Amino acid sequence: MFIYNVTTKVSWSIHEAWVLWMREKHIPAIMEKGCFTEYRFARLLETDDAEGPTYTTQYYAPSKEAYERYIAEHATALRKDALDNWGDQFIGFRSLMELVN
C-alpha cells in the first residue's frame, strides 16, 4: 500500500471556503479517478498557525502503478484547478510513502 500525502498551509482569508471545496469538490474529483481506495483529511495540530492552518490529505493507493497513473494522467489538471481557484493563498508539498507494517 502506498500513501500519497499532500500537506497544505492555507491562508486564513480562504480557510473555511477551501475546506468546503476540498470536501465537496477536490477530494471527490481525485477519488473518482479510481487510483486510490480511500483517503484521510486532517488538520495538523501543534503547528504555527499565525499565517493560516495546515492540513494533510492522504490518499491510499493499492500499488505504485496506481499512484503513477494518477500522477501521469490526472495530477496536472487537478493541481491547475487548485491554482485557478485559490491562487497564491496556499502552499503545499507532496510526498509518497509506503506502508511497512
N, C-alpha and C. Protein backbone atom coordinates (compact mmCIF):
# COMPACT_ATOMS: atom_id res chain seq x y z
N MET A 1 0.86 -1.18 0.00
CA MET A 1 0.00 0.00 0.00
C MET A 1 0.90 1.23 0.00
N PHE A 2 0.53 2.21 -0.84
CA PHE A 2 1.26 3.46 -0.94
C PHE A 2 0.35 4.60 -0.52
N ILE A 3 0.92 5.59 0.13
CA ILE A 3 0.17 6.75 0.59
C ILE A 3 0.75 7.99 -0.08
N TYR A 4 -0.10 8.67 -0.82
CA TYR A 4 0.25 9.94 -1.45
C TYR A 4 -0.21 11.02 -0.49
N ASN A 5 0.74 11.73 0.12
CA ASN A 5 0.44 12.72 1.14
C ASN A 5 0.60 14.12 0.57
N VAL A 6 -0.43 14.94 0.76
CA VAL A 6 -0.38 16.34 0.34
C VAL A 6 -0.57 17.19 1.59
N THR A 7 0.44 17.97 1.94
CA THR A 7 0.38 18.86 3.10
C THR A 7 0.21 20.28 2.58
N THR A 8 -0.78 20.99 3.10
CA THR A 8 -1.13 22.31 2.57
C THR A 8 -1.32 23.31 3.70
N LYS A 9 -0.64 24.44 3.61
CA LYS A 9 -0.85 25.57 4.52
C LYS A 9 -1.74 26.56 3.77
N VAL A 10 -2.84 26.96 4.40
CA VAL A 10 -3.87 27.77 3.77
C VAL A 10 -3.99 29.11 4.48
N SER A 11 -4.13 30.17 3.72
CA SER A 11 -4.33 31.50 4.29
C SER A 11 -5.64 31.53 5.08
N TRP A 12 -5.62 32.25 6.20
CA TRP A 12 -6.84 32.38 7.00
C TRP A 12 -7.98 32.97 6.18
N SER A 13 -7.67 33.83 5.20
CA SER A 13 -8.73 34.51 4.45
C SER A 13 -9.55 33.56 3.57
N ILE A 14 -9.02 32.40 3.23
CA ILE A 14 -9.76 31.44 2.41
C ILE A 14 -10.05 30.13 3.13
N HIS A 15 -9.58 30.02 4.34
CA HIS A 15 -9.59 28.77 5.09
C HIS A 15 -10.93 28.02 5.04
N GLU A 16 -12.02 28.65 5.44
CA GLU A 16 -13.31 27.95 5.50
C GLU A 16 -13.80 27.54 4.12
N ALA A 17 -13.68 28.42 3.14
CA ALA A 17 -14.12 28.10 1.78
C ALA A 17 -13.24 27.00 1.18
N TRP A 18 -11.96 27.02 1.49
CA TRP A 18 -11.04 26.00 0.97
C TRP A 18 -11.39 24.62 1.53
N VAL A 19 -11.66 24.54 2.83
CA VAL A 19 -12.04 23.26 3.44
C VAL A 19 -13.31 22.72 2.78
N LEU A 20 -14.29 23.57 2.57
CA LEU A 20 -15.53 23.16 1.91
C LEU A 20 -15.24 22.67 0.49
N TRP A 21 -14.41 23.39 -0.25
CA TRP A 21 -14.02 23.00 -1.61
C TRP A 21 -13.30 21.65 -1.61
N MET A 22 -12.42 21.45 -0.65
CA MET A 22 -11.72 20.17 -0.55
C MET A 22 -12.72 19.04 -0.33
N ARG A 23 -13.62 19.21 0.60
CA ARG A 23 -14.59 18.16 0.94
C ARG A 23 -15.58 17.88 -0.19
N GLU A 24 -16.06 18.93 -0.83
CA GLU A 24 -17.14 18.77 -1.80
C GLU A 24 -16.68 18.61 -3.24
N LYS A 25 -15.49 19.11 -3.57
CA LYS A 25 -15.07 19.09 -4.97
C LYS A 25 -13.73 18.40 -5.20
N HIS A 26 -12.67 18.89 -4.57
CA HIS A 26 -11.34 18.42 -4.91
C HIS A 26 -11.10 16.95 -4.53
N ILE A 27 -11.36 16.60 -3.29
CA ILE A 27 -11.16 15.20 -2.89
C ILE A 27 -12.06 14.26 -3.69
N PRO A 28 -13.36 14.57 -3.85
CA PRO A 28 -14.18 13.67 -4.69
C PRO A 28 -13.65 13.56 -6.13
N ALA A 29 -13.14 14.66 -6.69
CA ALA A 29 -12.59 14.61 -8.05
C ALA A 29 -11.39 13.68 -8.13
N ILE A 30 -10.55 13.70 -7.11
CA ILE A 30 -9.40 12.79 -7.08
C ILE A 30 -9.86 11.35 -6.91
N MET A 31 -10.77 11.13 -6.00
CA MET A 31 -11.21 9.76 -5.72
C MET A 31 -11.94 9.14 -6.90
N GLU A 32 -12.63 9.93 -7.69
CA GLU A 32 -13.37 9.36 -8.81
C GLU A 32 -12.46 8.89 -9.95
N LYS A 33 -11.19 9.22 -9.89
CA LYS A 33 -10.25 8.77 -10.92
C LYS A 33 -9.93 7.28 -10.79
N GLY A 34 -10.23 6.69 -9.64
CA GLY A 34 -10.06 5.25 -9.46
C GLY A 34 -8.64 4.80 -9.13
N CYS A 35 -7.77 5.73 -8.79
CA CYS A 35 -6.38 5.38 -8.48
C CYS A 35 -6.17 5.11 -6.99
N PHE A 36 -7.06 5.63 -6.16
CA PHE A 36 -6.93 5.50 -4.71
C PHE A 36 -8.16 4.80 -4.14
N THR A 37 -7.96 4.05 -3.08
CA THR A 37 -9.05 3.29 -2.49
C THR A 37 -9.70 3.99 -1.30
N GLU A 38 -8.97 4.88 -0.66
CA GLU A 38 -9.51 5.64 0.47
C GLU A 38 -8.64 6.86 0.70
N TYR A 39 -9.10 7.74 1.60
CA TYR A 39 -8.34 8.94 1.92
C TYR A 39 -8.59 9.34 3.36
N ARG A 40 -7.74 10.21 3.86
CA ARG A 40 -7.90 10.84 5.17
C ARG A 40 -7.59 12.31 4.99
N PHE A 41 -8.42 13.17 5.58
CA PHE A 41 -8.25 14.62 5.50
C PHE A 41 -8.19 15.13 6.93
N ALA A 42 -7.08 15.75 7.33
CA ALA A 42 -6.89 16.13 8.72
C ALA A 42 -6.21 17.49 8.84
N ARG A 43 -6.48 18.16 9.93
CA ARG A 43 -5.79 19.41 10.25
C ARG A 43 -4.63 19.08 11.17
N LEU A 44 -3.47 19.61 10.86
CA LEU A 44 -2.31 19.42 11.72
C LEU A 44 -2.45 20.29 12.95
N LEU A 45 -2.14 19.73 14.09
CA LEU A 45 -2.17 20.46 15.36
C LEU A 45 -0.75 20.71 15.84
N GLU A 46 -0.64 21.59 16.79
CA GLU A 46 0.66 21.93 17.38
C GLU A 46 1.65 22.42 16.33
N THR A 47 1.12 23.23 15.37
CA THR A 47 1.95 23.88 14.37
C THR A 47 1.71 25.38 14.47
N ASP A 48 2.57 26.16 13.86
CA ASP A 48 2.42 27.61 13.85
C ASP A 48 1.30 27.98 12.88
N ASP A 49 0.18 28.44 13.42
CA ASP A 49 -0.96 28.81 12.60
C ASP A 49 -1.06 30.32 12.36
N ALA A 50 -0.01 31.06 12.64
CA ALA A 50 -0.06 32.52 12.51
C ALA A 50 -0.47 32.95 11.10
N GLU A 51 0.03 32.28 10.08
CA GLU A 51 -0.30 32.64 8.70
C GLU A 51 -1.44 31.81 8.12
N GLY A 52 -1.92 30.86 8.90
CA GLY A 52 -3.02 30.02 8.46
C GLY A 52 -2.84 28.59 8.93
N PRO A 53 -3.91 27.82 8.91
CA PRO A 53 -3.85 26.43 9.35
C PRO A 53 -3.19 25.54 8.30
N THR A 54 -2.73 24.38 8.76
CA THR A 54 -2.10 23.40 7.88
C THR A 54 -2.93 22.12 7.89
N TYR A 55 -3.12 21.56 6.71
CA TYR A 55 -3.90 20.34 6.54
C TYR A 55 -3.06 19.30 5.83
N THR A 56 -3.42 18.06 6.05
CA THR A 56 -2.81 16.97 5.30
C THR A 56 -3.93 16.11 4.72
N THR A 57 -3.74 15.73 3.48
CA THR A 57 -4.67 14.81 2.83
C THR A 57 -3.85 13.62 2.37
N GLN A 58 -4.26 12.45 2.82
CA GLN A 58 -3.54 11.22 2.48
C GLN A 58 -4.45 10.34 1.64
N TYR A 59 -3.96 10.01 0.45
CA TYR A 59 -4.69 9.16 -0.49
C TYR A 59 -3.99 7.81 -0.54
N TYR A 60 -4.74 6.74 -0.38
CA TYR A 60 -4.19 5.39 -0.30
C TYR A 60 -4.30 4.69 -1.65
N ALA A 61 -3.16 4.31 -2.22
CA ALA A 61 -3.11 3.61 -3.50
C ALA A 61 -2.75 2.15 -3.26
N PRO A 62 -3.42 1.22 -3.92
CA PRO A 62 -3.13 -0.19 -3.72
C PRO A 62 -1.78 -0.62 -4.30
N SER A 63 -1.23 0.18 -5.22
CA SER A 63 0.05 -0.16 -5.85
C SER A 63 0.75 1.12 -6.28
N LYS A 64 2.04 1.02 -6.52
CA LYS A 64 2.78 2.17 -7.02
C LYS A 64 2.31 2.52 -8.43
N GLU A 65 1.91 1.52 -9.18
CA GLU A 65 1.40 1.76 -10.53
C GLU A 65 0.12 2.61 -10.50
N ALA A 66 -0.75 2.38 -9.54
CA ALA A 66 -1.97 3.18 -9.42
C ALA A 66 -1.62 4.63 -9.10
N TYR A 67 -0.68 4.83 -8.19
CA TYR A 67 -0.21 6.19 -7.87
C TYR A 67 0.39 6.84 -9.12
N GLU A 68 1.25 6.12 -9.82
CA GLU A 68 1.91 6.67 -11.01
C GLU A 68 0.90 7.01 -12.10
N ARG A 69 -0.16 6.21 -12.21
CA ARG A 69 -1.22 6.50 -13.17
C ARG A 69 -1.91 7.82 -12.82
N TYR A 70 -2.16 8.02 -11.53
CA TYR A 70 -2.77 9.28 -11.09
C TYR A 70 -1.87 10.46 -11.47
N ILE A 71 -0.59 10.35 -11.16
CA ILE A 71 0.35 11.44 -11.45
C ILE A 71 0.41 11.71 -12.95
N ALA A 72 0.52 10.66 -13.75
CA ALA A 72 0.67 10.82 -15.20
C ALA A 72 -0.59 11.33 -15.89
N GLU A 73 -1.76 10.88 -15.43
CA GLU A 73 -2.99 11.15 -16.16
C GLU A 73 -3.88 12.25 -15.56
N HIS A 74 -3.73 12.52 -14.26
CA HIS A 74 -4.72 13.39 -13.62
C HIS A 74 -4.14 14.54 -12.79
N ALA A 75 -2.96 14.39 -12.24
CA ALA A 75 -2.45 15.35 -11.26
C ALA A 75 -2.32 16.77 -11.82
N THR A 76 -1.82 16.91 -13.03
CA THR A 76 -1.58 18.25 -13.58
C THR A 76 -2.87 19.06 -13.65
N ALA A 77 -3.94 18.48 -14.16
CA ALA A 77 -5.21 19.20 -14.29
C ALA A 77 -5.80 19.54 -12.93
N LEU A 78 -5.70 18.63 -11.97
CA LEU A 78 -6.25 18.88 -10.64
C LEU A 78 -5.44 19.93 -9.89
N ARG A 79 -4.13 19.94 -10.07
CA ARG A 79 -3.30 20.99 -9.46
C ARG A 79 -3.63 22.34 -10.07
N LYS A 80 -3.83 22.38 -11.39
CA LYS A 80 -4.19 23.63 -12.06
C LYS A 80 -5.52 24.15 -11.53
N ASP A 81 -6.47 23.27 -11.31
CA ASP A 81 -7.77 23.67 -10.77
C ASP A 81 -7.60 24.34 -9.40
N ALA A 82 -6.74 23.78 -8.57
CA ALA A 82 -6.47 24.39 -7.25
C ALA A 82 -5.88 25.78 -7.41
N LEU A 83 -4.92 25.93 -8.29
CA LEU A 83 -4.31 27.25 -8.52
C LEU A 83 -5.32 28.23 -9.09
N ASP A 84 -6.16 27.77 -10.01
CA ASP A 84 -7.18 28.64 -10.59
C ASP A 84 -8.17 29.12 -9.53
N ASN A 85 -8.48 28.26 -8.57
CA ASN A 85 -9.43 28.62 -7.52
C ASN A 85 -8.83 29.47 -6.41
N TRP A 86 -7.59 29.19 -6.01
CA TRP A 86 -7.04 29.78 -4.80
C TRP A 86 -5.77 30.59 -4.99
N GLY A 87 -5.21 30.59 -6.18
CA GLY A 87 -4.04 31.42 -6.47
C GLY A 87 -2.90 31.19 -5.50
N ASP A 88 -2.39 32.27 -4.96
CA ASP A 88 -1.23 32.18 -4.06
C ASP A 88 -1.65 32.18 -2.58
N GLN A 89 -2.89 31.80 -2.31
CA GLN A 89 -3.40 31.80 -0.94
C GLN A 89 -3.13 30.49 -0.20
N PHE A 90 -2.36 29.61 -0.83
CA PHE A 90 -1.99 28.35 -0.19
C PHE A 90 -0.61 27.93 -0.70
N ILE A 91 0.01 27.07 0.06
CA ILE A 91 1.28 26.48 -0.35
C ILE A 91 1.25 25.02 0.10
N GLY A 92 1.78 24.15 -0.72
CA GLY A 92 1.74 22.74 -0.36
C GLY A 92 2.97 22.00 -0.83
N PHE A 93 3.12 20.83 -0.25
CA PHE A 93 4.15 19.92 -0.73
C PHE A 93 3.59 18.51 -0.70
N ARG A 94 4.17 17.68 -1.54
CA ARG A 94 3.68 16.32 -1.69
C ARG A 94 4.78 15.32 -1.39
N SER A 95 4.36 14.16 -0.88
CA SER A 95 5.32 13.08 -0.64
C SER A 95 4.62 11.74 -0.85
N LEU A 96 5.42 10.75 -1.16
CA LEU A 96 4.91 9.40 -1.34
C LEU A 96 5.50 8.53 -0.24
N MET A 97 4.64 7.76 0.40
CA MET A 97 5.08 6.86 1.47
C MET A 97 4.63 5.45 1.15
N GLU A 98 5.34 4.48 1.68
CA GLU A 98 4.96 3.08 1.54
C GLU A 98 4.73 2.51 2.94
N LEU A 99 3.60 1.86 3.14
CA LEU A 99 3.35 1.19 4.42
C LEU A 99 4.33 0.03 4.59
N VAL A 100 4.89 -0.09 5.79
CA VAL A 100 5.85 -1.14 6.04
C VAL A 100 5.38 -2.12 7.10
N ASN A 101 4.21 -1.95 7.64
CA ASN A 101 3.73 -2.89 8.67
C ASN A 101 2.93 -4.02 8.08
